[in-house]
N, C-alpha and C. Protein backbone atom coordinates (compact mmCIF):
# COMPACT_ATOMS: atom_id res chain seq x y z
N MET A 1 31.55 75.98 135.06
CA MET A 1 31.56 76.50 136.26
C MET A 1 32.69 77.50 136.08
N ILE A 2 33.29 78.74 136.87
CA ILE A 2 34.43 79.58 136.87
C ILE A 2 34.60 78.74 138.05
N SER A 3 35.96 79.38 138.47
CA SER A 3 36.77 79.25 139.96
C SER A 3 37.43 80.65 140.18
N LEU A 4 37.59 81.34 141.50
CA LEU A 4 37.76 82.32 141.54
C LEU A 4 38.51 81.82 142.64
N SER A 5 39.30 82.63 143.68
CA SER A 5 39.80 82.71 144.90
C SER A 5 39.03 83.68 145.61
N ARG A 6 39.40 83.63 146.85
CA ARG A 6 38.90 84.85 147.27
C ARG A 6 39.65 86.21 146.87
N THR A 7 40.71 85.84 147.39
CA THR A 7 41.81 87.36 146.61
C THR A 7 41.24 87.83 145.16
N ALA A 8 40.92 86.90 144.10
CA ALA A 8 40.76 87.49 143.36
C ALA A 8 39.13 88.17 143.16
N LEU A 9 38.00 87.55 144.09
CA LEU A 9 36.92 88.09 143.91
C LEU A 9 37.28 89.60 144.95
N LYS A 10 38.18 89.71 145.93
CA LYS A 10 38.81 90.84 146.61
C LYS A 10 38.88 91.80 145.89
N MET A 11 39.62 91.32 144.45
CA MET A 11 40.46 92.33 143.92
C MET A 11 39.20 93.22 142.88
N ILE A 12 38.32 92.28 142.33
CA ILE A 12 37.03 92.70 141.51
C ILE A 12 35.89 93.47 142.47
N THR A 13 35.72 93.30 143.97
CA THR A 13 34.84 94.06 144.47
C THR A 13 34.96 95.26 144.70
N ASP A 14 36.97 95.47 145.26
CA ASP A 14 37.62 96.46 145.19
C ASP A 14 37.43 97.10 144.36
N ALA A 15 37.60 96.99 142.66
CA ALA A 15 37.78 97.51 141.76
C ALA A 15 36.42 98.34 141.63
N ALA A 16 35.23 97.61 142.26
CA ALA A 16 33.87 97.66 141.46
C ALA A 16 33.77 98.92 142.60
N GLU A 17 34.09 98.89 143.97
CA GLU A 17 34.21 100.13 144.90
C GLU A 17 34.44 101.21 144.86
N ALA A 18 35.76 101.25 144.15
CA ALA A 18 36.83 102.51 143.83
C ALA A 18 35.99 102.74 142.97
N ALA A 19 35.36 102.00 141.76
CA ALA A 19 35.29 102.83 140.58
C ALA A 19 33.59 103.87 140.70
N TYR A 20 32.88 103.17 141.87
CA TYR A 20 31.29 103.68 141.92
C TYR A 20 31.72 105.26 142.22
N PRO A 21 30.18 105.93 141.55
CA PRO A 21 29.14 105.15 140.98
C PRO A 21 29.53 105.43 139.53
N ARG A 22 30.53 105.10 138.89
CA ARG A 22 31.19 104.65 137.63
C ARG A 22 31.18 102.82 137.83
N GLU A 23 30.92 102.63 136.30
CA GLU A 23 31.39 100.78 136.24
C GLU A 23 32.80 100.56 136.38
N CYS A 24 33.19 99.95 136.48
CA CYS A 24 34.82 99.66 136.60
C CYS A 24 35.15 98.20 135.46
N CYS A 25 36.06 97.83 135.09
CA CYS A 25 36.22 96.99 134.16
C CYS A 25 37.85 96.44 134.31
N GLY A 26 37.75 94.73 133.66
CA GLY A 26 39.33 94.53 133.78
C GLY A 26 39.02 92.95 133.26
N LEU A 27 40.18 92.24 132.63
CA LEU A 27 40.06 90.98 131.96
C LEU A 27 40.87 89.69 133.35
N LEU A 28 40.16 88.67 133.03
CA LEU A 28 40.18 87.59 133.86
C LEU A 28 41.36 86.71 133.07
N ALA A 29 42.32 86.14 133.78
CA ALA A 29 43.09 85.22 133.04
C ALA A 29 43.23 84.02 133.14
N GLY A 30 43.88 82.67 132.47
CA GLY A 30 42.95 81.84 133.75
C GLY A 30 43.39 80.78 132.37
N ARG A 31 43.05 79.64 133.32
CA ARG A 31 42.93 77.72 132.36
C ARG A 31 41.73 77.30 131.80
N ILE A 32 41.32 76.90 130.78
CA ILE A 32 40.12 76.01 130.92
C ILE A 32 40.70 74.66 131.46
N GLY A 33 39.82 73.89 132.04
CA GLY A 33 39.86 72.51 132.70
C GLY A 33 39.61 71.31 131.90
N ALA A 34 40.18 70.12 131.72
CA ALA A 34 39.64 68.95 130.45
C ALA A 34 38.29 68.99 131.06
N ASN A 35 37.68 69.43 132.09
CA ASN A 35 35.59 69.30 132.08
C ASN A 35 35.34 70.00 132.02
N GLY A 36 36.06 71.31 131.07
CA GLY A 36 35.75 72.72 130.48
C GLY A 36 35.35 73.70 131.75
N ASP A 37 35.73 73.01 133.16
CA ASP A 37 35.70 73.94 134.08
C ASP A 37 36.58 75.39 133.77
N LEU A 38 36.45 76.21 133.99
CA LEU A 38 37.61 77.40 134.13
C LEU A 38 38.33 77.98 135.20
N MET A 39 39.27 78.48 135.54
CA MET A 39 40.27 78.73 136.57
C MET A 39 40.78 80.19 136.68
N VAL A 40 40.22 81.03 137.06
CA VAL A 40 40.59 82.51 137.04
C VAL A 40 42.11 81.90 137.56
N ASN A 41 43.44 82.48 137.36
CA ASN A 41 44.53 83.06 137.82
C ASN A 41 44.88 83.78 137.76
N ARG A 42 44.07 85.09 137.27
CA ARG A 42 44.69 86.62 136.99
C ARG A 42 43.77 87.14 136.43
N VAL A 43 43.90 88.57 137.49
CA VAL A 43 42.99 89.59 137.58
C VAL A 43 43.57 90.78 136.91
N VAL A 44 43.06 91.10 135.74
CA VAL A 44 43.84 92.62 135.29
C VAL A 44 43.11 93.58 135.35
N VAL A 45 43.29 94.99 136.04
CA VAL A 45 42.44 95.89 135.80
C VAL A 45 42.66 96.73 134.48
N SER A 46 41.64 97.13 134.03
CA SER A 46 41.72 98.30 132.98
C SER A 46 40.94 99.31 133.88
N ALA A 47 41.37 100.54 133.03
CA ALA A 47 40.41 101.49 133.05
C ALA A 47 38.93 101.25 131.96
N ASN A 48 38.43 102.01 132.66
CA ASN A 48 37.14 102.14 131.73
C ASN A 48 36.98 103.36 130.62
N VAL A 49 37.71 103.00 129.48
CA VAL A 49 37.80 103.80 128.02
C VAL A 49 36.32 103.86 126.99
N SER A 50 35.20 104.03 128.43
CA SER A 50 34.12 104.05 127.34
C SER A 50 33.39 105.39 126.96
N THR A 51 33.39 105.25 125.88
CA THR A 51 33.15 107.06 125.29
C THR A 51 31.41 107.52 125.43
N SER A 52 31.00 106.71 126.22
CA SER A 52 29.37 106.30 126.71
C SER A 52 29.27 107.04 128.19
N ASP A 53 28.03 106.85 128.69
CA ASP A 53 28.24 107.32 130.16
C ASP A 53 28.66 105.99 130.94
N THR A 54 30.16 105.96 131.59
CA THR A 54 30.15 104.98 132.15
C THR A 54 29.73 104.63 133.83
N ARG A 55 28.76 105.31 134.05
CA ARG A 55 27.74 104.49 134.89
C ARG A 55 27.19 103.84 134.25
N ASP A 56 26.74 103.21 133.47
CA ASP A 56 26.06 102.10 132.76
C ASP A 56 26.24 101.29 131.59
N SER A 57 28.12 101.53 131.44
CA SER A 57 28.77 101.38 130.34
C SER A 57 30.21 100.78 130.67
N PHE A 58 30.90 100.35 129.81
CA PHE A 58 32.76 99.56 130.15
C PHE A 58 32.74 99.52 128.88
N GLU A 59 34.24 99.99 128.68
CA GLU A 59 35.09 99.01 127.69
C GLU A 59 36.39 99.00 128.21
N VAL A 60 37.42 98.07 127.93
CA VAL A 60 38.18 96.81 128.75
C VAL A 60 39.10 98.36 127.43
N ASP A 61 40.33 99.05 128.37
CA ASP A 61 41.09 99.81 127.13
C ASP A 61 42.26 98.25 126.63
N PRO A 62 42.16 98.56 125.34
CA PRO A 62 42.36 97.65 124.04
C PRO A 62 43.98 98.06 124.62
N GLU A 63 44.76 98.71 124.98
CA GLU A 63 46.09 98.75 125.54
C GLU A 63 46.33 97.27 126.27
N VAL A 64 45.67 97.14 126.96
CA VAL A 64 45.49 96.77 128.63
C VAL A 64 45.34 94.37 127.53
N ARG A 65 44.60 94.52 126.86
CA ARG A 65 44.13 93.44 126.31
C ARG A 65 45.34 92.80 125.31
N PHE A 66 45.59 94.29 124.90
CA PHE A 66 46.44 93.39 123.73
C PHE A 66 47.81 93.03 124.61
N GLY A 67 48.33 93.84 125.55
CA GLY A 67 49.07 93.89 126.15
C GLY A 67 49.55 92.31 127.29
N LEU A 68 47.99 92.02 127.20
CA LEU A 68 47.85 90.78 128.43
C LEU A 68 48.22 89.64 127.27
N MET A 69 47.49 89.56 126.16
CA MET A 69 47.81 88.40 124.71
C MET A 69 48.93 88.48 124.42
N ARG A 70 50.00 89.53 124.50
CA ARG A 70 50.90 89.53 123.98
C ARG A 70 51.88 88.87 125.24
N GLU A 71 51.81 88.97 126.49
CA GLU A 71 52.26 88.65 128.33
C GLU A 71 52.00 86.76 127.71
N LEU A 72 50.89 86.27 127.70
CA LEU A 72 50.25 85.29 127.79
C LEU A 72 51.23 84.36 126.76
N GLU A 73 50.70 85.06 125.27
CA GLU A 73 51.51 84.20 124.15
C GLU A 73 52.98 84.22 124.34
N GLU A 74 53.92 84.79 124.64
CA GLU A 74 55.21 84.76 125.16
C GLU A 74 55.22 84.06 126.21
N ALA A 75 54.74 83.76 127.32
CA ALA A 75 54.77 82.72 128.64
C ALA A 75 54.79 81.65 128.06
N GLY A 76 54.06 81.26 126.97
CA GLY A 76 54.14 79.52 125.90
C GLY A 76 52.90 78.89 127.17
N THR A 77 52.35 79.02 128.15
CA THR A 77 51.48 78.18 128.73
C THR A 77 50.24 78.00 128.05
N ASP A 78 49.04 77.47 129.02
CA ASP A 78 47.68 77.18 128.61
C ASP A 78 46.62 77.87 128.74
N GLU A 79 47.73 79.07 129.38
CA GLU A 79 47.00 79.94 130.21
C GLU A 79 46.34 81.27 129.14
N ARG A 80 45.39 81.53 128.96
CA ARG A 80 44.54 83.00 127.87
C ARG A 80 43.71 83.74 128.61
N ILE A 81 43.16 84.53 127.66
CA ILE A 81 41.77 85.16 128.46
C ILE A 81 40.60 84.60 128.88
N ILE A 82 39.77 84.39 129.85
CA ILE A 82 38.93 83.83 129.60
C ILE A 82 37.57 84.41 129.79
N GLY A 83 38.14 85.64 130.35
CA GLY A 83 36.10 86.15 130.51
C GLY A 83 36.85 87.98 130.64
N HIS A 84 36.02 88.26 131.57
CA HIS A 84 36.27 90.10 131.71
C HIS A 84 35.05 90.12 133.27
N TYR A 85 35.56 91.45 133.92
CA TYR A 85 34.56 91.53 134.63
C TYR A 85 34.14 92.99 134.31
N HIS A 86 33.02 93.26 135.18
CA HIS A 86 32.32 95.00 135.46
C HIS A 86 31.74 95.08 136.38
N SER A 87 31.23 95.61 136.59
CA SER A 87 30.51 96.32 138.11
C SER A 87 29.02 96.74 137.06
N HIS A 88 27.86 96.72 138.14
CA HIS A 88 26.40 97.27 137.66
C HIS A 88 26.76 98.63 139.01
N PRO A 89 26.93 99.43 139.16
CA PRO A 89 26.37 100.55 140.18
C PRO A 89 24.83 100.45 140.57
N ASN A 90 24.48 100.71 141.20
CA ASN A 90 22.92 100.89 141.71
C ASN A 90 22.24 99.99 141.01
N ASN A 91 22.61 98.85 140.86
CA ASN A 91 21.84 97.61 139.92
C ASN A 91 22.21 96.30 140.17
N LEU A 92 21.11 95.28 139.68
CA LEU A 92 21.53 94.05 140.08
C LEU A 92 22.72 93.33 139.18
N ALA A 93 23.26 92.67 139.40
CA ALA A 93 24.68 91.65 139.39
C ALA A 93 23.98 90.73 137.76
N HIS A 94 23.61 91.15 137.50
CA HIS A 94 22.54 90.25 136.24
C HIS A 94 23.03 90.95 134.73
N PRO A 95 23.46 90.68 133.34
CA PRO A 95 23.80 91.62 132.09
C PRO A 95 22.67 92.32 132.07
N SER A 96 22.80 93.42 131.49
CA SER A 96 21.94 94.43 130.65
C SER A 96 21.70 94.10 129.43
N GLU A 97 20.75 94.94 128.80
CA GLU A 97 20.51 95.05 127.33
C GLU A 97 21.98 95.14 126.47
N ARG A 98 22.10 96.45 126.98
CA ARG A 98 24.05 97.04 126.48
C ARG A 98 25.08 95.74 126.65
N ASP A 99 24.92 94.88 127.58
CA ASP A 99 26.19 94.09 127.66
C ASP A 99 25.57 92.74 126.81
N LEU A 100 24.18 92.89 126.26
CA LEU A 100 24.73 91.88 125.74
C LEU A 100 24.50 91.97 124.11
N ALA A 101 24.14 93.14 123.79
CA ALA A 101 24.46 94.51 122.70
C ALA A 101 26.29 94.37 122.31
N MET A 102 26.67 94.26 123.22
CA MET A 102 28.19 93.76 123.49
C MET A 102 29.31 92.79 123.47
N ALA A 103 27.96 91.58 123.24
CA ALA A 103 28.72 90.36 123.50
C ALA A 103 29.39 89.97 122.54
N TYR A 104 30.60 90.41 121.71
CA TYR A 104 31.11 90.36 120.82
C TYR A 104 31.78 88.89 121.07
N GLU A 105 32.01 88.29 121.82
CA GLU A 105 33.09 86.94 122.00
C GLU A 105 32.50 85.83 122.95
N PRO A 106 31.63 85.12 122.48
CA PRO A 106 30.71 84.28 123.27
C PRO A 106 31.44 83.39 124.38
N ASP A 107 32.54 83.24 123.55
CA ASP A 107 33.02 82.48 124.75
C ASP A 107 34.16 82.89 125.98
N LEU A 108 34.12 83.84 126.02
CA LEU A 108 34.51 84.87 127.16
C LEU A 108 32.91 84.58 128.35
N VAL A 109 33.96 84.62 129.52
CA VAL A 109 32.60 84.74 130.34
C VAL A 109 32.76 86.19 131.24
N TRP A 110 31.54 86.22 131.68
CA TRP A 110 30.74 87.92 132.33
C TRP A 110 31.13 87.87 133.21
N VAL A 111 31.73 88.03 134.26
CA VAL A 111 31.58 88.59 135.86
C VAL A 111 31.03 90.24 136.29
N ILE A 112 30.12 90.07 136.89
CA ILE A 112 29.29 91.19 137.38
C ILE A 112 29.17 91.00 138.76
N SER A 113 29.93 92.32 139.52
CA SER A 113 29.57 92.65 140.49
C SER A 113 28.51 94.07 140.84
N ALA A 114 27.32 93.72 141.34
CA ALA A 114 26.42 94.85 141.87
C ALA A 114 27.39 95.89 142.93
N VAL A 115 26.66 97.07 142.80
CA VAL A 115 27.16 98.01 144.20
C VAL A 115 26.38 98.58 144.25
N GLU A 116 25.62 98.47 145.51
CA GLU A 116 24.86 99.89 146.19
C GLU A 116 25.52 100.14 147.22
N GLY A 117 25.50 102.06 146.92
CA GLY A 117 25.96 103.33 147.39
C GLY A 117 27.54 102.65 147.44
N GLY A 118 27.98 102.11 146.79
CA GLY A 118 29.45 102.18 146.74
C GLY A 118 30.51 100.72 147.87
N THR A 119 28.94 100.03 147.69
CA THR A 119 29.74 98.69 148.31
C THR A 119 28.99 97.40 147.22
N ALA A 120 30.29 96.74 147.43
CA ALA A 120 30.24 95.48 146.32
C ALA A 120 28.95 94.56 147.01
N THR A 121 27.73 94.33 146.73
CA THR A 121 26.39 92.87 147.37
C THR A 121 26.90 91.81 146.86
N ASN A 122 26.96 91.61 145.69
CA ASN A 122 26.79 90.17 144.87
C ASN A 122 27.14 90.76 143.76
N THR A 123 27.77 89.22 143.72
CA THR A 123 29.15 89.19 142.51
C THR A 123 28.45 87.36 141.76
N ARG A 124 28.12 87.35 139.97
CA ARG A 124 27.52 86.36 139.51
C ARG A 124 28.56 86.11 138.16
N ALA A 125 28.59 84.93 137.80
CA ALA A 125 29.10 84.90 135.94
C ALA A 125 28.38 84.04 135.18
N TYR A 126 28.52 84.63 134.04
CA TYR A 126 27.28 84.26 133.22
C TYR A 126 28.55 84.05 131.51
N LYS A 127 27.34 83.72 131.14
CA LYS A 127 28.48 83.15 129.57
C LYS A 127 26.98 83.57 128.71
N VAL A 128 27.57 83.73 127.46
CA VAL A 128 26.36 84.00 126.44
C VAL A 128 25.39 82.75 125.90
N ASN A 129 24.37 82.27 125.93
CA ASN A 129 23.69 81.69 125.10
C ASN A 129 24.42 81.08 123.28
N ASP A 130 24.15 79.56 123.08
CA ASP A 130 25.45 80.07 122.14
C ASP A 130 23.79 80.42 120.41
N ASP A 131 23.16 80.94 120.83
CA ASP A 131 22.23 81.66 119.83
C ASP A 131 22.47 83.02 119.71
N ALA A 132 23.49 83.86 120.79
CA ALA A 132 23.72 84.70 120.85
C ALA A 132 22.41 86.05 121.60
N THR A 133 21.16 85.51 122.06
CA THR A 133 20.24 85.99 122.22
C THR A 133 19.86 85.97 123.80
N ALA A 134 20.91 85.55 124.39
CA ALA A 134 20.64 86.13 126.12
C ALA A 134 21.79 85.49 126.80
N PHE A 135 21.46 85.88 128.10
CA PHE A 135 23.07 84.86 129.18
C PHE A 135 22.21 84.07 130.00
N ARG A 136 23.17 83.12 130.21
CA ARG A 136 22.79 82.18 130.90
C ARG A 136 23.90 82.44 132.39
N GLU A 137 23.28 81.85 133.94
CA GLU A 137 24.14 82.61 134.47
C GLU A 137 25.21 80.35 135.05
N ILE A 138 26.30 81.05 135.27
CA ILE A 138 27.22 79.66 135.18
C ILE A 138 27.46 79.55 136.69
N PRO A 139 27.53 78.21 137.25
CA PRO A 139 28.31 78.56 138.78
C PRO A 139 29.48 79.36 139.19
N LEU A 140 29.92 79.93 139.93
CA LEU A 140 30.57 80.75 140.15
C LEU A 140 31.08 80.03 142.00
N CYS A 141 32.56 79.79 141.33
CA CYS A 141 32.94 78.97 143.13
C CYS A 141 33.68 80.14 143.28
N ILE A 142 34.25 80.18 144.52
CA ILE A 142 35.20 80.82 145.22
C ILE A 142 36.11 79.70 145.99
N THR A 143 37.03 80.24 145.93
CA THR A 143 37.90 78.79 146.53
C THR A 143 38.36 79.73 147.88
N GLY A 144 39.17 79.41 149.16
CA GLY A 144 39.62 79.28 149.57
C GLY A 144 41.25 79.68 149.44
N ASN A 145 41.54 79.90 151.11
CA ASN A 145 43.37 80.49 150.41
C ASN A 145 44.48 78.98 150.21
N THR A 146 44.41 78.53 148.87
CA THR A 146 45.65 78.36 148.75
C THR A 146 46.64 78.69 148.02
N SER A 147 47.57 76.99 147.22
CA SER A 147 48.97 77.85 146.36
C SER A 147 48.03 78.95 145.66
N TYR A 148 47.57 78.53 145.13
CA TYR A 148 46.43 79.25 143.67
C TYR A 148 46.32 80.22 143.98
N ASP A 149 45.63 80.48 145.54
CA ASP A 149 45.39 82.42 145.77
C ASP A 149 46.74 82.49 145.78
N SER A 150 47.55 82.11 146.12
CA SER A 150 49.03 83.09 146.51
C SER A 150 49.86 83.16 145.16
N ALA A 151 49.53 82.77 144.18
CA ALA A 151 50.05 82.61 142.83
C ALA A 151 49.44 83.83 141.96
N LEU A 152 48.31 84.40 142.38
CA LEU A 152 47.19 85.10 141.77
C LEU A 152 48.32 86.22 141.33
N LYS A 153 48.25 86.52 140.10
CA LYS A 153 48.93 87.91 140.00
C LYS A 153 47.95 88.87 139.58
N LYS A 154 48.15 90.08 139.57
CA LYS A 154 47.33 91.38 139.50
C LYS A 154 48.16 92.54 138.94
N THR A 155 47.83 92.62 137.39
CA THR A 155 48.43 93.66 136.61
C THR A 155 47.23 94.95 136.53
N THR A 156 48.03 95.95 137.11
CA THR A 156 47.03 97.33 136.66
C THR A 156 47.81 98.21 136.09
N THR A 157 46.48 99.28 135.30
CA THR A 157 46.92 99.90 134.14
C THR A 157 46.30 101.38 134.20
N GLU A 158 46.96 101.95 134.93
CA GLU A 158 45.65 103.34 135.24
C GLU A 158 45.20 104.35 134.28
């Protein structure tokens, strides 16, 4: 399971709507619980630097990723990159064949927001199967306004 606050979900869906009709993307940082559940406490927005048609492809800016990795290492906490998010304009919140082909890090969660006509309609979370031949949906838990929510950090790179 992966937990997102309402604020984190709003950051993702706002980015998806703002990027429409192109795909948005970004990173999710957080912690892994003792039971293996994931908790997102940072949404890091990235420019989509894909060299393909960004209406159906995405690539997180490597500078954003390396910057976040450095920041997390310097902080010395157990927080780490646990996944990324992107949108599917005029398509389902389900991984595409292109997504599967780009799943180079099987331990990361994929959060996908469907956007129809500029409005985010559905957000789901996935992990790559152990054999890397398909995705499986994992539960996405949206939490209310808590201290976790108020501590959420947003990093934006234009």
